[in-house]
Amino acid sequence: DAVLLDQSPIGKSPRSNPVTYLKAYDPIRRLFAETPAARSKGFSPSHFSFNAVGGRCEECAGTGFQKIEMHFMADILIRCPECEGKRFRPSTLEGRHRGKNIHDVLSLTVDGALRFFSGEPSLVRRLEALSRVGLGYIRLGQPATTLSGGEAQRLKIAVQLAGKDPSRMLYILDEPTTGLHFQDVAVLLRALHRLVALGNTVLVIEHNLDVVKTADH
C-alpha cells in the first residue's frame, strides 16, 4: 500500500484536534466516564465528546468559539460566552480524573499528558508517537485549524507510528521540510528513519541537503 503524507490540514473544524485524529481521545473519555461524578449522573463516554449532544456546550456546539459572519471581511471567531471556551457544560466539568476535568486535560501539552497518563500504557504509546515526531509542545485539544502544514504532516507520521508497527508500506512526502526549523528537520528525519527501520520504503521529494544526504538512493 502507498500512503501520501502531505502538509494538507487534518480537518476543517475546530472540533478536530490531535487526540481525535490520533484516536487517543476514546480512552480518555472512558476514563472520565468512570469517575464518581460521572457515574452518579449516569454519564457515558459520549458525554465527554464535543461531537455529540449531551455533555458539550450547545451554544458553540462544542467548538469553544462562536463565529460572527462579516459580509465584506473574513469571519471572526470569539470565545463562547456560555462555556468561556471550555466546550462543555458545567455538569460535565464536574467529573475529575486525578484532580483534572476534561477541559484541563485537553489543555495539557503532549509532554505534560505523558506524565499525567503515565499509568495508561495504551494511551502513552499513542502520545509518545506525537512526542517522537517533535510535537510534544502542542496541546491535546488544540483545534486542527491552528496547526501549521508542517505540524499536520508530522501528526500524520505520528499516526503511522502510534498503532501496530507498519511494514511493507510506501510512504510519499513532498518537500516535508518546508517551514521547519533545522532542529525540527532532525526530528523529522529520525521519524522517517524509524519508518524505514520497520520495513517500509519512504520516498521523499526534497531539496534540503540534510535530508538528501541521509537517503539510501
Protein backbone atom coordinates (compact mmCIF):
# COMPACT_ATOMS: atom_id res chain seq x y z
CA ASP A 1 0.00 0.00 0.00
CA ALA A 2 1.08 3.60 -0.62
CA VAL A 3 0.37 6.48 1.77
CA LEU A 4 0.79 10.18 0.96
CA LEU A 5 1.97 12.15 4.00
CA ASP A 6 1.47 15.75 2.88
CA GLN A 7 1.02 19.09 4.63
CA SER A 8 -2.70 19.45 3.97
CA PRO A 9 -4.88 20.20 7.04
CA ILE A 10 -6.10 17.27 9.13
CA GLY A 11 -9.54 18.84 9.49
CA LYS A 12 -11.53 21.98 8.79
CA SER A 13 -13.50 22.05 12.04
CA PRO A 14 -12.22 23.43 15.39
CA ARG A 15 -13.55 20.18 16.89
CA SER A 16 -10.81 18.25 15.07
CA ASN A 17 -7.65 18.09 17.17
CA PRO A 18 -4.51 15.97 17.72
CA VAL A 19 -6.06 13.43 20.13
CA THR A 20 -9.15 12.81 18.00
CA TYR A 21 -7.02 12.42 14.85
CA LEU A 22 -4.67 10.07 16.69
CA LYS A 23 -7.65 8.10 18.08
CA ALA A 24 -6.35 8.73 21.60
CA TYR A 25 -9.49 10.53 22.79
CA ASP A 26 -11.66 7.43 23.20
CA PRO A 27 -9.64 6.00 26.13
CA ILE A 28 -9.55 9.47 27.74
CA ARG A 29 -13.35 9.74 27.53
CA ARG A 30 -13.71 6.27 29.05
CA LEU A 31 -11.52 7.27 31.99
CA PHE A 32 -13.74 10.28 32.69
CA ALA A 33 -16.93 8.22 32.36
CA GLU A 34 -15.62 6.05 35.21
CA THR A 35 -15.18 8.98 37.64
CA PRO A 36 -17.59 9.09 40.64
CA ALA A 37 -19.18 12.35 39.47
CA ALA A 38 -19.88 10.93 36.00
CA ARG A 39 -21.26 7.67 37.38
CA SER A 40 -23.60 9.49 39.78
CA LYS A 41 -25.08 11.38 36.80
CA GLY A 42 -25.24 8.31 34.56
CA PHE A 43 -22.79 9.83 32.09
CA SER A 44 -21.30 7.67 29.35
CA PRO A 45 -18.09 8.36 27.36
CA SER A 46 -20.20 10.21 24.78
CA HIS A 47 -20.94 12.93 27.35
CA PHE A 48 -17.25 13.86 27.18
CA SER A 49 -17.30 14.25 23.41
CA PHE A 50 -17.67 17.68 21.81
CA ASN A 51 -19.07 15.99 18.70
CA ALA A 52 -22.19 14.63 20.45
CA VAL A 53 -25.16 16.28 22.12
CA GLY A 54 -25.28 15.66 25.86
CA GLY A 55 -22.26 16.90 27.73
CA ARG A 56 -20.97 19.54 25.35
CA CYS A 57 -21.88 23.23 25.34
CA GLU A 58 -24.69 23.68 22.84
CA GLU A 59 -24.18 27.43 22.43
CA CYS A 60 -20.96 26.73 20.50
CA ALA A 61 -21.67 23.07 19.61
CA GLY A 62 -18.51 22.01 21.41
CA THR A 63 -16.10 24.23 19.47
CA GLY A 64 -15.42 26.71 22.28
CA PHE A 65 -15.96 29.57 19.81
CA GLN A 66 -18.80 31.39 18.15
CA LYS A 67 -18.49 32.67 14.61
CA ILE A 68 -19.51 36.18 13.61
CA GLU A 69 -20.07 36.37 9.87
CA MET A 70 -18.71 39.52 8.27
CA HIS A 71 -20.20 40.45 4.91
CA PHE A 72 -17.12 42.02 3.34
CA MET A 73 -14.33 40.66 5.57
CA ALA A 74 -13.20 37.32 6.95
CA ASP A 75 -15.43 35.77 9.62
CA ILE A 76 -14.45 36.47 13.23
CA LEU A 77 -14.23 33.79 15.93
CA ILE A 78 -14.89 34.86 19.52
CA ARG A 79 -14.64 32.75 22.66
CA CYS A 80 -18.01 31.27 23.56
CA PRO A 81 -19.55 33.42 26.33
CA GLU A 82 -21.58 30.48 27.65
CA CYS A 83 -18.77 28.00 28.36
CA GLU A 84 -15.91 30.53 28.19
CA GLY A 85 -14.13 28.38 25.63
CA LYS A 86 -14.24 25.20 27.75
CA ARG A 87 -16.53 23.40 25.26
CA PHE A 88 -18.52 21.51 27.90
CA ARG A 89 -21.42 22.07 30.28
CA PRO A 90 -20.61 22.78 33.97
CA SER A 91 -22.06 19.38 34.94
CA THR A 92 -19.62 17.65 32.58
CA LEU A 93 -16.69 19.58 34.00
CA GLU A 94 -17.51 18.28 37.50
CA GLY A 95 -16.02 14.90 36.55
CA ARG A 96 -12.36 14.83 37.55
CA HIS A 97 -9.62 12.31 36.88
CA ARG A 98 -6.66 12.73 39.20
CA GLY A 99 -7.82 16.26 40.01
CA LYS A 100 -8.34 17.48 36.42
CA ASN A 101 -11.56 17.88 34.47
CA ILE A 102 -11.85 17.14 30.76
CA HIS A 103 -11.07 20.74 29.80
CA ASP A 104 -7.92 20.71 31.94
CA VAL A 105 -6.73 17.53 30.24
CA LEU A 106 -7.37 18.85 26.73
CA SER A 107 -5.32 21.92 27.68
CA LEU A 108 -2.29 19.77 28.56
CA THR A 109 0.65 19.63 26.18
CA VAL A 110 1.57 16.22 24.79
CA ASP A 111 4.62 16.05 27.06
CA GLY A 112 2.52 17.07 30.06
CA ALA A 113 -0.10 14.44 29.19
CA LEU A 114 2.60 11.75 29.01
CA ARG A 115 3.40 12.43 32.64
CA PHE A 116 -0.26 12.71 33.66
CA PHE A 117 -1.30 9.43 31.97
CA SER A 118 1.88 7.51 32.82
CA GLY A 119 -0.22 4.66 34.22
CA GLU A 120 -2.17 4.11 30.97
CA PRO A 121 0.17 2.15 28.63
CA SER A 122 -2.06 2.09 25.54
CA LEU A 123 -2.65 5.83 25.76
CA VAL A 124 1.03 6.54 26.45
CA ARG A 125 2.03 4.63 23.30
CA ARG A 126 -0.06 6.92 21.12
CA LEU A 127 1.06 10.10 22.85
CA GLU A 128 4.71 9.01 22.62
CA ALA A 129 4.32 8.89 18.84
CA LEU A 130 3.48 12.62 18.90
CA SER A 131 6.49 13.37 21.08
CA ARG A 132 8.72 11.27 18.82
CA VAL A 133 7.94 13.47 15.82
CA GLY A 134 8.64 16.66 17.77
CA LEU A 135 5.07 17.63 18.67
CA GLY A 136 5.44 17.37 22.44
CA TYR A 137 4.60 21.07 22.77
CA ILE A 138 1.15 21.08 21.14
CA ARG A 139 -1.98 20.87 23.28
CA LEU A 140 -4.12 17.72 23.17
CA GLY A 141 -7.26 19.66 22.30
CA GLN A 142 -5.64 22.24 20.04
CA PRO A 143 -8.01 22.97 17.12
CA ALA A 144 -6.78 21.44 13.87
CA THR A 145 -7.37 24.79 12.19
CA THR A 146 -4.47 26.30 14.21
CA LEU A 147 -1.87 23.69 13.19
CA SER A 148 0.72 24.59 10.56
CA GLY A 149 1.24 22.47 7.46
CA GLY A 150 4.44 21.01 8.94
CA GLU A 151 2.67 20.14 12.20
CA ALA A 152 -0.19 18.48 10.31
CA GLN A 153 2.30 16.42 8.32
CA ARG A 154 4.19 15.28 11.42
CA LEU A 155 0.87 14.39 13.03
CA LYS A 156 0.15 12.13 10.07
CA ILE A 157 3.54 10.46 10.56
CA ALA A 158 2.73 10.01 14.26
CA VAL A 159 -0.48 8.19 13.33
CA GLN A 160 1.60 5.68 11.36
CA LEU A 161 3.84 5.11 14.39
CA ALA A 162 1.12 5.09 17.06
CA GLY A 163 -0.62 1.80 16.44
CA LYS A 164 0.67 -1.54 15.26
CA ASP A 165 4.13 -1.09 13.73
CA PRO A 166 3.61 -0.64 9.97
CA SER A 167 5.67 -2.64 7.49
CA ARG A 168 5.93 -3.09 3.72
CA MET A 169 4.31 0.30 3.11
CA LEU A 170 5.37 3.02 0.66
CA TYR A 171 5.26 6.49 2.21
CA ILE A 172 5.47 9.52 -0.09
CA LEU A 173 6.39 13.01 1.17
CA ASP A 174 6.67 16.17 -0.94
CA GLU A 175 9.00 18.87 0.48
CA PRO A 176 8.39 17.91 4.13
CA THR A 177 10.96 20.40 5.47
CA THR A 178 9.05 23.46 4.19
CA GLY A 179 8.73 25.92 7.07
CA LEU A 180 10.61 23.72 9.56
CA HIS A 181 13.44 24.85 11.85
CA PHE A 182 16.65 22.84 11.39
CA GLN A 183 16.05 21.15 14.75
CA ASP A 184 12.58 20.10 13.58
CA VAL A 185 14.18 18.71 10.41
CA ALA A 186 16.42 16.50 12.57
CA VAL A 187 13.36 15.21 14.47
CA LEU A 188 11.54 14.57 11.19
CA LEU A 189 14.48 12.58 9.86
CA ARG A 190 14.52 10.37 12.96
CA ALA A 191 10.83 9.63 12.43
CA LEU A 192 11.37 8.80 8.75
CA HIS A 193 14.28 6.51 9.56
CA ARG A 194 12.05 4.84 12.15
CA LEU A 195 9.56 4.03 9.39
CA VAL A 196 12.37 2.59 7.25
CA ALA A 197 13.68 0.52 10.17
CA LEU A 198 10.23 -1.07 10.49
CA GLY A 199 10.50 -2.41 6.93
CA ASN A 200 8.87 0.38 4.94
CA THR A 201 10.02 2.46 1.97
CA VAL A 202 9.99 6.25 2.26
CA LEU A 203 10.06 8.31 -0.95
CA VAL A 204 10.88 11.97 -0.30
CA ILE A 205 10.82 14.78 -2.88
CA GLU A 206 13.17 17.29 -1.31
CA HIS A 207 15.88 19.91 -1.89
CA ASN A 208 17.06 20.15 1.72
CA LEU A 209 20.64 18.77 1.77
CA ASP A 210 20.27 17.45 5.34
CA VAL A 211 17.51 15.19 4.04
CA VAL A 212 19.21 14.33 0.75
CA LYS A 213 22.47 13.20 2.38
CA THR A 214 20.68 10.64 4.58
CA ALA A 215 18.86 8.95 1.70
CA ASP A 216 19.88 5.44 0.63
CA HIS A 217 19.27 6.27 -3.04
